[in-house]
Protein backbone atom coordinates (compact mmCIF):
# COMPACT_ATOMS: atom_id res chain seq x y z
CA MET A 1 2.38 -53.80 1.54
CA GLU A 2 4.10 -56.46 -0.21
CA ARG A 3 6.65 -57.28 -3.12
CA PRO A 4 4.44 -59.24 -6.08
CA ASN A 5 6.85 -62.53 -7.36
CA SER A 6 6.10 -61.45 -10.79
CA GLY A 7 4.45 -58.71 -13.04
CA GLU A 8 1.48 -60.55 -13.88
CA GLU A 9 -1.17 -57.97 -15.23
CA GLY A 10 -4.54 -57.37 -13.64
CA GLU A 11 -7.88 -57.72 -15.65
CA GLY A 12 -8.57 -55.12 -18.16
CA ASP A 13 -4.90 -54.07 -18.38
CA SER A 14 -3.00 -54.44 -21.94
CA PRO A 15 0.65 -55.45 -22.16
CA ASN A 16 2.23 -51.59 -22.88
CA GLU A 17 0.34 -50.77 -20.05
CA THR A 18 1.70 -53.31 -17.45
CA ARG A 19 5.39 -53.21 -19.12
CA ILE A 20 8.02 -52.83 -16.64
CA SER A 21 10.92 -50.29 -17.97
CA LEU A 22 14.51 -50.02 -16.66
CA GLU A 23 13.02 -47.19 -14.15
CA THR A 24 10.36 -49.25 -12.60
CA ALA A 25 13.11 -52.15 -12.38
CA ALA A 26 15.51 -49.66 -10.55
CA ALA A 27 12.93 -48.66 -8.38
CA GLU A 28 11.78 -51.98 -7.14
CA ALA A 29 14.86 -51.97 -4.85
CA ASP A 30 13.20 -49.11 -2.75
CA ASP A 31 9.40 -49.46 -1.57
CA SER A 32 9.32 -45.56 -1.03
CA VAL A 33 9.08 -45.10 -4.91
CA PRO A 34 6.08 -46.30 -7.07
CA TYR A 35 6.61 -48.95 -9.73
CA ILE A 36 4.29 -51.13 -11.48
CA GLY A 37 3.48 -53.97 -9.87
CA GLN A 38 3.59 -52.63 -6.63
CA ARG A 39 0.78 -54.01 -4.03
CA PHE A 40 -0.80 -52.14 -1.10
CA LEU A 41 -3.61 -53.72 1.10
CA THR A 42 -6.04 -50.29 1.01
CA HIS A 43 -6.13 -47.43 -1.70
CA GLU A 44 -5.48 -44.87 1.20
CA ALA A 45 -2.03 -46.72 1.58
CA ALA A 46 -1.28 -46.48 -2.07
CA TYR A 47 -2.03 -42.63 -2.02
CA GLU A 48 0.18 -42.06 1.28
CA LEU A 49 2.78 -43.36 -0.46
CA TYR A 50 2.34 -41.70 -4.16
CA SER A 51 1.78 -38.35 -2.08
CA GLY A 52 4.94 -38.99 0.23
CA PHE A 53 6.80 -39.66 -3.38
CA ALA A 54 6.10 -36.58 -4.91
CA LYS A 55 6.58 -34.37 -1.57
CA GLN A 56 10.07 -35.65 -2.05
CA CYS A 57 10.21 -35.13 -6.10
CA GLY A 58 8.72 -31.56 -5.48
CA PHE A 59 4.94 -31.77 -6.60
CA SER A 60 1.65 -32.48 -5.02
CA ILE A 61 -1.24 -35.19 -5.92
CA ARG A 62 -4.98 -35.40 -6.07
CA ARG A 63 -7.64 -37.87 -6.35
CA HIS A 64 -8.54 -38.23 -9.68
CA ARG A 65 -11.15 -40.28 -11.40
CA THR A 66 -12.10 -43.74 -9.92
CA GLU A 67 -13.54 -46.90 -12.41
CA GLY A 68 -15.60 -49.94 -11.83
CA LYS A 69 -15.51 -53.24 -13.73
CA ASP A 70 -16.63 -52.32 -17.53
CA GLY A 71 -15.65 -48.59 -16.69
CA VAL A 72 -18.57 -47.67 -14.03
CA GLY A 73 -20.53 -49.65 -11.53
CA LYS A 74 -20.27 -52.99 -10.66
CA GLY A 75 -17.63 -52.50 -7.68
CA LEU A 76 -14.66 -49.86 -7.57
CA THR A 77 -11.82 -51.82 -9.38
CA ARG A 78 -9.63 -48.65 -10.32
CA ARG A 79 -8.26 -45.59 -8.65
CA TYR A 80 -6.30 -42.90 -10.40
CA PHE A 81 -3.68 -40.23 -8.52
CA VAL A 82 -2.63 -37.44 -10.72
CA CYS A 83 -0.03 -34.58 -10.38
CA HIS A 84 -2.09 -31.22 -8.84
CA ARG A 85 -0.95 -29.68 -12.15
CA ALA A 86 -3.07 -32.21 -14.21
CA GLY A 87 -5.50 -31.35 -16.65
CA ASN A 88 -6.70 -27.32 -17.64
CA THR A 89 -9.23 -25.71 -16.48
CA PRO A 90 -11.91 -23.89 -18.48
CA ALA A 91 -12.49 -20.32 -18.45
CA LYS A 92 -15.79 -19.80 -16.73
CA PRO A 93 -18.57 -18.26 -19.28
CA PHE A 94 -19.31 -14.82 -18.67
CA ASP A 95 -23.14 -14.03 -18.09
CA ASP A 96 -24.49 -10.45 -17.57
CA GLY A 97 -27.41 -11.66 -15.23
CA ALA A 98 -25.06 -14.11 -12.79
CA LYS A 99 -23.49 -12.87 -9.66
CA GLN A 100 -20.25 -11.96 -10.60
CA GLN A 101 -17.37 -14.40 -10.05
CA ARG A 102 -13.32 -14.21 -9.86
CA ASN A 103 -11.74 -15.69 -12.88
CA ARG A 104 -8.81 -17.14 -10.50
CA LYS A 105 -5.65 -18.21 -12.32
CA SER A 106 -5.24 -22.10 -12.23
CA SER A 107 -1.85 -24.15 -12.08
CA ARG A 108 -2.99 -26.95 -14.09
CA CYS A 109 -1.08 -27.24 -17.29
CA GLY A 110 -2.10 -30.63 -18.55
CA CYS A 111 0.95 -32.35 -16.58
CA GLN A 112 0.26 -36.56 -17.65
CA ALA A 113 2.12 -37.38 -14.30
CA TYR A 114 -0.01 -40.28 -12.84
CA LEU A 115 -0.27 -43.62 -10.58
CA ARG A 116 -3.07 -45.72 -11.63
CA ILE A 117 -3.79 -48.81 -9.44
CA GLY A 118 -6.24 -51.70 -10.12
CA ARG A 119 -7.56 -54.58 -7.42
CA ASP A 120 -5.37 -57.87 -7.71
CA ALA A 121 -8.14 -60.17 -9.56
CA GLY A 122 -5.23 -62.84 -7.95
CA ALA A 123 -5.67 -61.94 -4.39
CA GLY A 124 -9.33 -62.20 -4.50
CA GLY A 125 -9.27 -58.30 -5.19
CA LEU A 126 -8.36 -58.09 -1.74
CA GLU A 127 -5.32 -55.64 -2.51
CA TRP A 128 -4.92 -53.23 -4.83
CA ARG A 129 -1.54 -53.23 -7.18
CA VAL A 130 0.04 -50.14 -9.31
CA THR A 131 -0.91 -50.85 -12.94
CA GLY A 132 0.28 -47.56 -14.17
CA PHE A 133 2.81 -45.02 -13.47
CA SER A 134 4.50 -41.88 -15.17
CA ASN A 135 6.87 -39.43 -13.17
CA HIS A 136 7.07 -37.46 -16.38
CA HIS A 137 6.05 -33.94 -16.01
CA ASN A 138 5.80 -30.80 -18.49
CA HIS A 139 6.67 -28.16 -15.76
CA GLU A 140 9.46 -27.58 -13.16
CA LEU A 141 9.32 -29.53 -9.96
CA LEU A 142 9.67 -27.48 -6.78
CA ARG A 143 12.79 -27.04 -4.37
CA GLN A 144 11.88 -28.61 -0.94
CA ASP A 145 11.76 -25.24 0.52
CA GLU A 146 9.18 -24.47 -1.84
CA VAL A 147 6.97 -27.51 -2.23
CA ARG A 148 5.62 -27.22 1.37
CA PHE A 149 3.57 -23.97 0.38
CA LEU A 150 1.35 -26.48 -1.87
CA PRO A 151 -2.00 -26.59 -0.64
CA ALA A 152 -2.13 -30.19 0.14
CA TYR A 153 1.37 -30.36 2.16
CA ARG A 154 0.22 -26.98 4.65
CA VAL A 155 -1.60 -28.83 7.51
CA ILE A 156 -2.93 -27.96 11.09
CA SER A 157 -2.78 -30.77 13.00
CA ASP A 158 -4.96 -30.98 15.69
CA SER A 159 -2.62 -30.10 18.64
CA ASP A 160 -1.97 -26.52 16.43
CA ARG A 161 -5.86 -25.83 15.53
CA ASP A 162 -6.40 -26.46 19.79
CA ARG A 163 -4.00 -23.89 20.24
CA ILE A 164 -4.83 -21.54 17.18
CA LEU A 165 -8.47 -21.16 18.76
CA VAL A 166 -7.58 -20.67 22.39
CA PHE A 167 -5.16 -17.89 21.09
CA ALA A 168 -8.06 -16.59 18.84
CA LYS A 169 -10.37 -16.12 22.13
CA SER A 170 -7.68 -14.62 23.81
CA GLY A 171 -7.16 -11.78 21.17
CA ILE A 172 -3.72 -12.65 20.20
CA SER A 173 -3.43 -11.57 16.49
CA VAL A 174 -2.39 -14.20 13.83
CA GLN A 175 1.03 -12.78 13.33
CA GLN A 176 1.55 -13.10 17.13
CA MET A 177 0.40 -16.76 16.63
CA MET A 178 2.38 -17.89 14.23
CA ARG A 179 5.42 -16.17 15.92
CA ILE A 180 4.54 -18.18 19.31
CA MET A 181 4.53 -21.16 17.40
CA GLU A 182 7.70 -21.06 15.78
CA LEU A 183 9.47 -20.37 18.96
CA GLU A 184 7.69 -23.05 20.65
CA LYS A 185 8.60 -25.55 17.79
CA CYS A 186 12.06 -23.94 17.62
CA VAL A 187 11.79 -23.49 13.78
CA GLN A 188 12.88 -20.24 11.78
CA PRO A 189 10.15 -17.56 11.25
CA GLY A 190 7.96 -18.61 7.76
CA THR A 191 8.93 -22.43 8.19
CA LEU A 192 5.95 -24.00 9.89
CA PRO A 193 3.49 -26.30 7.76
CA PHE A 194 1.00 -23.50 7.38
CA THR A 195 0.33 -20.07 6.49
CA GLU A 196 -1.33 -17.02 8.10
CA LYS A 197 -3.95 -17.60 5.26
CA ASP A 198 -4.68 -21.18 6.39
CA VAL A 199 -4.85 -19.77 10.13
CA ARG A 200 -7.11 -17.10 9.48
CA ASN A 201 -9.38 -19.83 7.61
CA LEU A 202 -9.47 -21.81 10.41
CA ILE A 203 -10.29 -19.41 12.92
CA GLN A 204 -13.52 -17.92 10.06
CA SER A 205 -14.69 -21.11 9.67
CA PHE A 206 -15.32 -21.83 13.72
CA ARG A 207 -16.86 -18.08 14.06
CA ARG A 208 -20.24 -18.71 14.67
CA PHE A 209 -22.82 -15.74 15.36
CA GLU A 210 -25.96 -16.47 17.31
CA HIS A 211 -28.88 -15.18 15.15
CA GLN A 212 -29.88 -12.47 17.57
CA GLU A 213 -26.24 -10.96 17.16
CA GLU A 214 -26.32 -11.06 13.61
CA SER A 215 -29.57 -9.11 13.34
CA VAL A 216 -28.41 -6.11 15.22
CA ASP A 217 -28.98 -2.86 14.06
CA LEU A 218 -25.64 -1.41 13.81
CA LEU A 219 -26.42 1.67 12.42
CA GLN A 220 -28.92 2.58 14.98
CA MET A 221 -26.33 0.96 17.66
CA CYS A 222 -23.53 3.48 16.19
CA ARG A 223 -26.05 6.24 16.60
CA ASN A 224 -26.39 5.75 20.27
CA VAL A 225 -22.66 5.35 20.94
CA LYS A 226 -22.47 8.98 19.25
CA GLU A 227 -24.81 10.14 21.36
CA LYS A 228 -23.15 9.49 24.30
CA ASP A 229 -19.66 10.30 22.73
CA PRO A 230 -19.32 13.41 20.20
CA ASN A 231 -15.86 12.22 18.98
CA PHE A 232 -17.02 9.00 18.14
CA SER A 233 -17.19 8.19 14.15
CA CYS A 234 -16.46 4.66 12.28
CA ALA A 235 -16.74 3.22 9.29
CA LEU A 236 -17.53 -0.64 9.29
CA LEU A 237 -17.37 -2.36 5.72
CA ARG A 238 -19.34 -5.70 4.81
CA GLU A 239 -16.58 -6.11 2.18
CA GLU A 240 -13.22 -5.22 0.86
CA ASN A 241 -14.21 -3.92 -2.31
CA LEU A 242 -14.22 -0.73 -4.93
CA GLN A 243 -17.67 0.39 -3.70
CA SER A 244 -17.18 0.17 0.04
CA PHE A 245 -13.75 1.92 0.18
CA THR A 246 -15.16 4.53 -2.31
CA TRP A 247 -18.00 5.05 0.66
CA ALA A 248 -15.79 4.89 3.68
CA LEU A 249 -13.63 7.76 2.14
CA GLN A 250 -16.72 9.84 1.27
CA VAL A 251 -17.55 9.01 4.77
CA PHE A 252 -14.25 10.56 6.32
CA LEU A 253 -14.47 13.38 3.73
CA ASN A 254 -17.81 14.51 5.42
CA PHE A 255 -16.06 14.32 8.83
CA MET A 256 -13.40 16.25 8.13
CA ASN A 257 -16.09 19.05 6.66
CA ARG A 258 -15.01 18.16 2.75
CA LYS A 259 -11.21 18.69 3.48
CA ALA A 260 -8.85 16.12 1.94
CA PRO A 261 -5.93 15.15 3.88
CA GLN A 262 -2.31 16.18 2.27
CA THR A 263 -1.44 12.46 2.77
CA ILE A 264 -3.11 9.36 3.30
CA LEU A 265 -1.57 5.65 4.49
CA THR A 266 -2.67 2.76 3.59
CA ASP A 267 -1.75 -1.39 3.26
CA GLN A 268 -1.47 -2.47 -0.28
CA ASN A 269 -4.96 -3.45 -0.97
CA LYS A 270 -5.85 -2.67 -4.80
CA TYR A 271 -9.53 -1.77 -4.24
CA LEU A 272 -8.82 0.89 -1.80
CA LYS A 273 -5.71 2.34 -3.77
CA GLU A 274 -8.40 3.00 -6.47
CA ALA A 275 -10.89 4.35 -4.63
CA VAL A 276 -7.93 6.64 -2.95
CA GLN A 277 -6.97 8.02 -6.59
CA LYS A 278 -10.78 8.45 -7.41
CA GLU A 279 -12.04 10.39 -4.07
CA LEU A 280 -8.76 12.07 -3.40
CA PRO A 281 -7.06 12.93 -6.27
CA ASN A 282 -4.95 15.91 -5.02
CA THR A 283 -3.87 13.58 -1.63
CA LYS A 284 -0.41 11.51 -1.90
CA HIS A 285 -1.11 7.79 -1.65
CA ALA A 286 1.40 6.33 0.40
CA PHE A 287 1.84 2.15 1.67
CA SER A 288 2.65 1.78 5.45
CA ILE A 289 6.32 0.70 5.64
CA GLY A 290 5.23 -0.95 9.06
CA LEU A 291 2.91 -3.07 7.35
CA LEU A 292 4.70 -4.23 4.27
CA ALA A 293 7.65 -5.08 6.91
CA SER A 294 5.18 -7.13 8.55
CA ARG A 295 4.98 -9.66 5.68
CA PHE A 296 8.69 -9.76 5.28
CA PRO A 297 9.03 -13.13 7.45
CA SER A 298 6.29 -14.83 5.19
CA TRP A 299 7.53 -13.71 2.06
CA PHE A 300 11.59 -14.14 2.21
CA SER A 301 12.63 -16.20 5.27
CA ALA A 302 12.16 -19.37 3.46
CA VAL A 303 13.65 -18.03 0.47
CA LEU A 304 16.67 -16.51 1.95
CA GLY A 305 17.34 -18.79 4.83
CA GLY A 306 19.88 -17.74 6.66
CA HIS A 307 20.77 -14.79 4.65
CA TYR A 308 17.30 -13.22 5.68
CA ASN A 309 18.66 -10.77 8.31
CA ASP A 310 21.22 -9.49 6.41
CA TRP A 311 18.90 -8.81 3.42
CA GLU A 312 16.78 -7.23 6.13
CA VAL A 313 19.52 -4.80 6.63
CA GLU A 314 20.32 -4.13 3.27
CA PHE A 315 16.74 -3.35 2.70
CA TYR A 316 16.22 -0.99 5.37
CA ARG A 317 19.73 0.92 4.31
CA LEU A 318 18.22 1.43 0.54
CA TYR A 319 14.68 2.65 2.42
CA ASN A 320 16.51 5.28 4.09
CA MET A 321 18.48 6.50 1.17
CA GLU A 322 18.36 10.20 -0.07
CA SER A 323 18.39 9.84 -3.49
CA THR A 324 16.24 7.71 -5.87
CA MET A 325 18.64 7.39 -8.40
CA ASP A 326 20.90 5.63 -5.60
CA PHE A 327 18.01 3.45 -4.12
CA ASP A 328 17.28 2.33 -7.71
CA LEU A 329 20.92 1.61 -8.60
CA GLY A 330 21.40 0.22 -5.28
CA TRP A 331 17.98 -1.92 -5.36
CA SER A 332 19.55 -3.42 -8.34
CA ASP A 333 22.64 -4.67 -6.83
CA MET A 334 20.59 -6.36 -3.79
CA VAL A 335 18.75 -8.22 -6.07
CA SER A 336 21.92 -9.82 -7.92
CA CYS A 337 23.54 -10.36 -4.56
CA TYR A 338 20.39 -12.47 -2.83
CA GLY A 339 19.71 -14.30 -6.00
CA LEU A 340 15.91 -12.65 -6.08
CA HIS A 341 15.53 -12.31 -9.53
CA GLY A 342 12.04 -13.68 -10.43
CA ASN A 343 10.62 -12.96 -7.32
CA ARG A 344 7.04 -11.66 -7.38
CA HIS A 345 7.06 -10.13 -3.74
CA ILE A 346 10.67 -8.39 -4.55
CA ALA A 347 9.11 -7.49 -8.30
CA SER A 348 5.84 -6.04 -6.67
CA LEU A 349 7.39 -3.69 -4.10
CA PHE A 350 10.07 -2.20 -6.52
CA ALA A 351 6.98 -1.74 -8.96
CA SER A 352 5.37 0.55 -5.82
CA ARG A 353 8.70 1.92 -4.60
CA ASN A 354 7.02 5.65 -5.45
CA LEU A 355 4.63 4.85 -2.67
CA TRP A 356 6.80 3.57 -0.09
CA ALA A 357 10.16 3.89 -0.50
CA SER A 358 12.05 7.19 1.62
CA PRO A 359 13.61 8.75 -1.27
CA TYR A 360 10.40 8.60 -3.28
CA LEU A 361 8.21 10.44 -0.66
CA ARG A 362 10.59 13.07 0.43
CA GLY A 363 8.81 16.26 0.67
CA HIS A 364 5.31 14.89 1.50
CA PHE A 365 4.09 15.03 4.93
CA LEU A 366 3.77 12.32 6.62
CA ALA A 367 3.98 13.12 9.86
CA GLY A 368 6.57 10.83 11.11
CA LEU A 369 3.85 7.74 10.85
CA THR A 370 6.48 5.69 8.38
CA ALA A 371 9.15 5.50 10.93
CA LEU A 372 6.40 4.68 14.04
CA PRO A 373 4.61 1.08 14.28
CA GLY A 374 1.54 3.03 15.49
CA VAL A 375 -0.41 1.86 12.29
CA SER A 376 0.91 -1.33 12.63
CA LYS A 377 -0.76 -1.53 16.12
CA ILE A 378 -4.08 -0.26 15.14
CA LYS A 379 -4.38 -3.23 12.75
CA ASP A 380 -3.21 -5.62 15.60
CA PHE A 381 -5.98 -4.23 17.61
CA ILE A 382 -8.32 -4.56 15.38
CA GLN A 383 -7.12 -7.90 14.16
CA ARG A 384 -7.10 -9.31 17.82
CA LEU A 385 -10.85 -8.45 18.27
CA LEU A 386 -11.66 -9.84 14.91
CA SER A 387 -9.93 -12.80 15.44
CA THR A 388 -12.07 -13.69 18.59
CA GLN A 389 -15.69 -15.09 18.76
CA ILE A 390 -16.79 -11.69 19.21
CA CYS A 391 -20.18 -10.57 18.39
CA LEU A 392 -20.35 -6.97 16.55
CA SER A 393 -22.17 -5.18 18.83
CA ARG A 394 -19.61 -5.83 21.16
CA PHE A 395 -16.34 -5.07 18.55
CA ILE A 396 -18.22 -1.45 17.98
CA GLU A 397 -18.30 -0.95 22.01
CA GLN A 398 -14.43 -2.00 22.30
CA VAL A 399 -13.59 0.05 19.05
CA ALA A 400 -15.35 3.23 20.88
CA ILE A 401 -13.81 2.47 24.35
CA VAL A 402 -10.09 1.94 22.91
CA VAL A 403 -10.45 5.57 20.95
CA ASP A 404 -11.64 6.77 23.98
CA TYR A 405 -8.61 5.36 26.00
CA LYS A 406 -6.13 6.56 23.43
CA ASP A 407 -7.03 10.13 23.37
CA GLN A 408 -7.20 10.10 27.28
CA ALA A 409 -3.68 8.59 27.44
CA GLY A 410 -2.39 11.63 24.92
CA GLU A 411 -3.66 13.87 27.07
CA GLN A 412 -2.43 12.60 30.16
CA GLN A 413 1.19 12.06 29.14
CA ILE A 414 0.85 16.15 28.45
CA ALA A 415 -0.32 16.56 31.46
CA GLN A 416 2.38 14.42 33.35
CA GLN A 417 5.23 16.03 31.34
CA SER A 418 3.89 19.68 32.61
CA LEU A 419 4.15 18.09 36.09
CA GLU A 420 7.71 16.63 35.57
CA ASN A 421 10.92 18.19 35.16
CA THR A 422 12.08 17.93 31.81
CA ILE A 423 15.28 16.62 30.87
CA LEU A 424 17.50 18.80 28.40
CA LYS A 425 20.22 16.78 26.97
CA THR A 426 22.34 19.70 25.23
CA ALA A 427 23.00 23.84 26.72
CA ALA A 428 21.56 25.04 23.50
CA PRO A 429 18.38 27.79 24.49
CA VAL A 430 16.65 26.44 21.82
CA GLU A 431 16.05 23.44 23.68
CA GLY A 432 14.67 25.01 26.69
CA HIS A 433 12.10 26.56 24.08
CA ALA A 434 11.24 23.18 22.47
CA ALA A 435 10.57 21.66 25.76
CA ALA A 436 7.82 24.28 25.87
CA VAL A 437 5.99 24.51 22.84
CA PHE A 438 6.04 20.97 21.35
CA THR A 439 4.27 18.40 22.65
CA PRO A 440 5.83 15.30 24.24
CA TYR A 441 6.54 13.08 21.11
CA ALA A 442 7.51 16.25 18.77
CA PHE A 443 9.72 17.64 21.33
CA CYS A 444 11.70 13.94 22.01
CA LYS A 445 11.90 13.76 18.27
CA LEU A 446 13.37 17.43 18.11
CA GLN A 447 15.72 16.88 21.20
CA ASP A 448 17.16 13.76 18.95
CA GLU A 449 17.97 15.56 16.13
CA LEU A 450 19.52 18.51 18.32
CA VAL A 451 21.56 16.58 20.37
CA GLY A 452 22.87 15.08 16.63
CA ALA A 453 23.35 18.50 15.32
CA ALA A 454 26.62 18.65 17.58
CA HIS A 455 28.16 16.64 15.55
CA TYR A 456 27.61 18.24 12.39
CA ALA A 457 29.90 21.15 10.68
CA TYR A 458 28.43 23.85 8.00
CA PHE A 459 30.37 25.64 5.29
CA HIS A 460 29.20 28.84 3.82
CA LEU A 461 28.95 28.39 0.14
CA GLU A 462 27.57 31.83 -1.56
CA GLY A 463 24.79 33.68 -1.05
CA ASN A 464 22.08 32.30 1.49
CA ALA A 465 23.48 28.73 0.73
CA TYR A 466 25.43 26.80 3.34
CA LEU A 467 26.76 22.74 3.36
CA VAL A 468 26.13 20.62 6.29
CA ARG A 469 27.73 17.06 6.93
CA HIS A 470 28.98 15.23 9.90
CA HIS A 471 31.89 15.96 11.12
CA THR A 472 34.01 12.83 10.43
CA THR A 473 32.96 12.96 6.67
CA THR A 474 34.93 15.12 3.76
CA ASP A 475 32.34 14.70 1.37
CA GLY A 476 28.60 14.90 0.55
CA GLY A 477 26.16 16.56 3.08
CA CYS A 478 22.77 18.40 3.21
CA ASN A 479 22.42 21.60 1.42
CA VAL A 480 20.54 24.32 3.56
CA THR A 481 19.14 27.71 2.40
CA TRP A 482 18.62 30.24 4.71
CA ASN A 483 16.55 33.31 4.85
CA GLN A 484 17.25 35.55 7.06
CA LYS A 485 15.01 38.56 6.33
CA GLU A 486 11.68 35.92 6.33
CA GLU A 487 13.07 33.86 8.66
CA LEU A 488 12.91 30.94 6.18
CA ILE A 489 15.32 27.65 6.28
CA SER A 490 15.12 24.76 4.24
CA CYS A 491 17.40 21.55 3.92
CA SER A 492 17.93 19.15 0.77
CA CYS A 493 16.91 16.07 3.09
CA GLN A 494 13.50 17.51 3.72
CA MET A 495 12.49 16.52 7.22
CA PHE A 496 10.62 19.06 7.97
CA GLU A 497 8.17 18.89 5.08
CA SER A 498 8.02 15.14 5.79
CA SER A 499 7.24 15.03 9.51
CA GLY A 500 6.74 18.99 10.60
CA ILE A 501 10.37 18.51 12.85
CA LEU A 502 12.95 20.88 11.61
CA CYS A 503 16.65 18.41 11.43
CA ARG A 504 19.53 18.15 12.13
CA HIS A 505 21.04 19.83 9.73
CA ALA A 506 18.77 23.36 9.72
CA LEU A 507 18.93 22.96 13.65
CA ARG A 508 22.66 23.45 13.44
CA LEU A 509 22.85 26.60 11.30
CA LEU A 510 20.18 27.98 13.48
CA THR A 511 22.04 27.83 16.62
CA THR A 512 25.40 28.60 14.75
CA LEU A 513 23.04 31.97 13.74
CA ASN A 514 22.33 32.55 17.24
CA TYR A 515 18.80 31.89 17.41
CA PHE A 516 17.33 30.93 20.82
CA GLN A 517 14.02 29.79 19.92
CA ILE A 518 12.33 27.85 17.15
CA PRO A 519 10.86 30.69 14.83
CA ASP A 520 6.76 30.39 15.21
CA HIS A 521 6.34 28.84 11.60
CA TYR A 522 8.25 26.19 12.56
CA VAL A 523 6.11 24.86 15.40
CA PRO A 524 3.33 23.38 13.29
CA VAL A 525 -0.35 22.87 14.89
CA ARG A 526 0.04 19.25 15.11
CA TRP A 527 3.30 19.28 17.40
CA ARG A 528 2.07 22.57 19.56
CA ARG A 529 1.02 22.45 22.91
CA THR A 530 -2.88 22.66 23.35
CA GLN A 531 -2.80 24.12 26.62
CA ALA A 532 -1.56 27.79 26.86
CA GLN A 533 1.75 28.19 28.08
CA PRO A 534 2.16 31.22 30.68
CA SER A 535 4.16 32.98 27.30
CA LYS A 536 1.98 31.85 24.82
CA SER A 537 -0.46 35.09 25.02
CA LEU A 538 2.53 37.43 24.87
CA ILE A 539 4.03 35.79 21.54
CA SER A 540 0.81 36.16 20.39
CA ALA A 541 0.28 40.02 20.74
CA PRO A 542 1.99 41.28 17.92
CA HIS A 543 0.14 44.88 18.79
CA TYR A 544 2.54 45.47 21.61
CA GLY A 545 4.90 46.78 18.60
CA ARG A 546 8.35 46.77 19.98
CA SER A 547 7.48 45.39 23.68
CA TYR A 548 7.06 42.29 21.63
CA GLU A 549 10.70 42.07 20.35
CA ARG A 550 11.63 42.83 24.22
CA VAL A 551 9.10 39.48 24.97
CA LYS A 552 11.19 37.46 22.53
CA GLU A 553 14.31 38.43 23.98
CA LEU A 554 13.23 37.72 27.63
CA GLN A 555 12.08 34.49 26.61
CA SER A 556 15.62 33.55 24.94
CA MET A 557 17.29 34.40 28.35
CA VAL A 558 14.85 32.07 30.05
CA ALA A 559 15.61 29.68 28.07
CA VAL A 560 19.43 30.04 28.72
CA LEU A 561 18.53 30.35 32.28
CA VAL A 562 16.90 27.08 32.45
CA SER A 563 19.51 25.27 30.30
CA GLU A 564 22.41 26.51 32.61
CA ALA A 565 20.43 25.90 35.84
CA SER A 566 19.97 21.98 34.56
CA GLN A 567 23.74 21.38 34.36
CA SER A 568 23.87 20.84 38.31
CA GLU A 569 21.98 20.50 41.52
CA GLU A 570 23.80 23.43 43.12
CA ARG A 571 23.10 25.61 39.78
CA MET A 572 19.39 24.75 39.87
CA ASP A 573 19.29 25.57 43.65
CA LEU A 574 20.67 29.34 42.85
CA ALA A 575 18.39 30.06 40.24
CA THR A 576 15.62 28.92 41.81
CA GLN A 577 16.65 31.10 44.92
CA GLU A 578 17.28 34.35 42.90
CA VAL A 579 14.29 34.04 40.59
CA SER A 580 12.18 34.16 43.47
CA VAL A 581 13.67 36.80 44.98
CA LEU A 582 13.20 38.25 41.50
CA LEU A 583 9.53 37.46 40.72
CA SER A 584 8.65 39.06 44.40
CA ARG A 585 9.93 42.07 43.29
CA ILE A 586 8.34 42.19 39.68
CA LYS A 587 4.85 41.47 41.32
CA GLN A 588 5.45 44.95 43.41
CA GLN A 589 5.95 47.07 40.32
CA PRO A 590 2.82 48.66 38.68
CA VAL A 591 1.32 46.98 35.67
CA VAL A 592 1.00 49.05 32.56
CA ALA A 593 -1.65 47.95 29.39
CA ASN A 594 -1.16 49.63 26.43
CA VAL A 595 -4.89 51.45 25.43
CA SER A 596 -4.43 53.08 22.01
CA GLY A 597 -1.42 55.30 20.23
CA ASP A 598 0.69 56.45 23.08
CA SER A 599 -2.32 56.40 26.16
CA VAL A 600 -1.33 54.41 28.87
CA ARG A 601 -3.47 53.04 31.88
CA ARG A 602 -1.56 52.10 35.18
CA LEU A 603 -2.79 49.04 36.60
CA TRP A 604 -2.13 47.72 40.52
């Protein structure tokens, strides 16, 4: 690149087009800033310089039209590079007979910023010279932390490309790929020169199936798998549109004998949301917080910079609030504190808060899934399979294998707990009873609540109303209502309604009222052990009349025994020895069975 000795005009240029302004004269001191008269050996060199200048200013460029002598033909003599927002995109004409196309929004706004170069006749046509330049934009320019997201600057290098393809073949999810490369390059989350969408597009461009694999009869294959495994069911969608999701939900209802679920958790797909409203009108639709949170780094890390971690802590504080009013007020303060006014992701989250925020979902049964990474893990697993160059038939087989493995793993966990000694953390008899009737997952959750209950105080207000709050606080707390006659308890936190697990506030009151067992209607079928426990047949036999009450009393005593004995090895040895003697004596006693009325029969 050579600086010209004079501002001579190229062929076909008017004096107005080549007049050097004061801005141009100042720019000549820096070759990184385009100016009229600037020379290049190739037009690509001119493009590279203008592109670098544009990135520093906060916009990107694209190649526009080319011209030959007299406008067209006779060799290339002029090239135009324009701002990426130059021109206007007309709306696509609507044609009933044509395939429906998306009328995408355009960023073009008629911006007039440009750079024009022409062949320098004085150099024998071998060099290019800037013959026109304007840096006046009719739109705001982007900040440096924003301009990198423009398509022109989202570039995947050859080395990154190769690593991405290796990751894809090994089954690593796109989110995991991004995190690995961020750690390798020692950059903050969300600051790579490409996005998750770019990676997915790259993987998709390299996904090729052989003709034989494409023509496989997937329906027949699913039928074959179904014959081998009656528990297999799945819905494979060709496209994520309203028609596909509607069909999938109809199939799901058929699987469930037309019984709709209480709640359904999904991602933010707008077509799926519309399908749920149509096919499951009485089902509560909620967004998975796990799926939403997985997008936060790409949405907010670049915008918030070093404040991202503090913002995330504040977000979860708001998410776990009990009052919708407090949530709304806190959200407004959070937006102001972190300068997020106008951020489209923040606006979208707030507009849909009734579908994901905990204060708005209280009272709706979610089985604890909002607090679990389970949904995200399922999606990650599916995405890992789709990220690999795997044929559809193999994909179906893998799904069937993993579903079967998950079922076996759950059954193995329950069986393993039956063989191992359950570790009790409190001396409350209700804990021993919970360990006997709840699944491992549900027991762990209830045990955490039971441990926390010990730190709460209760105050009798009036009638059946109580106030339960942490012993270190002097205000607030939860309102607990207790109906002794029907053994019904409810708490304003609505944890049981949302998860099927009694909260620490309710457990604090039950233990204070000398309850040694969880009332049966607070052990939902979902969290109840499927195997028959030694006491299950006794609990489910109300026809024993007064004996049933004695059975419950005996169960409470046994729960206390287990709880007390587990406090030390000495206690455990003594309890084991004495219970063994007592059990031997009991087996020597005759069995009396109730036949009808007062008649009895003695069995030996």
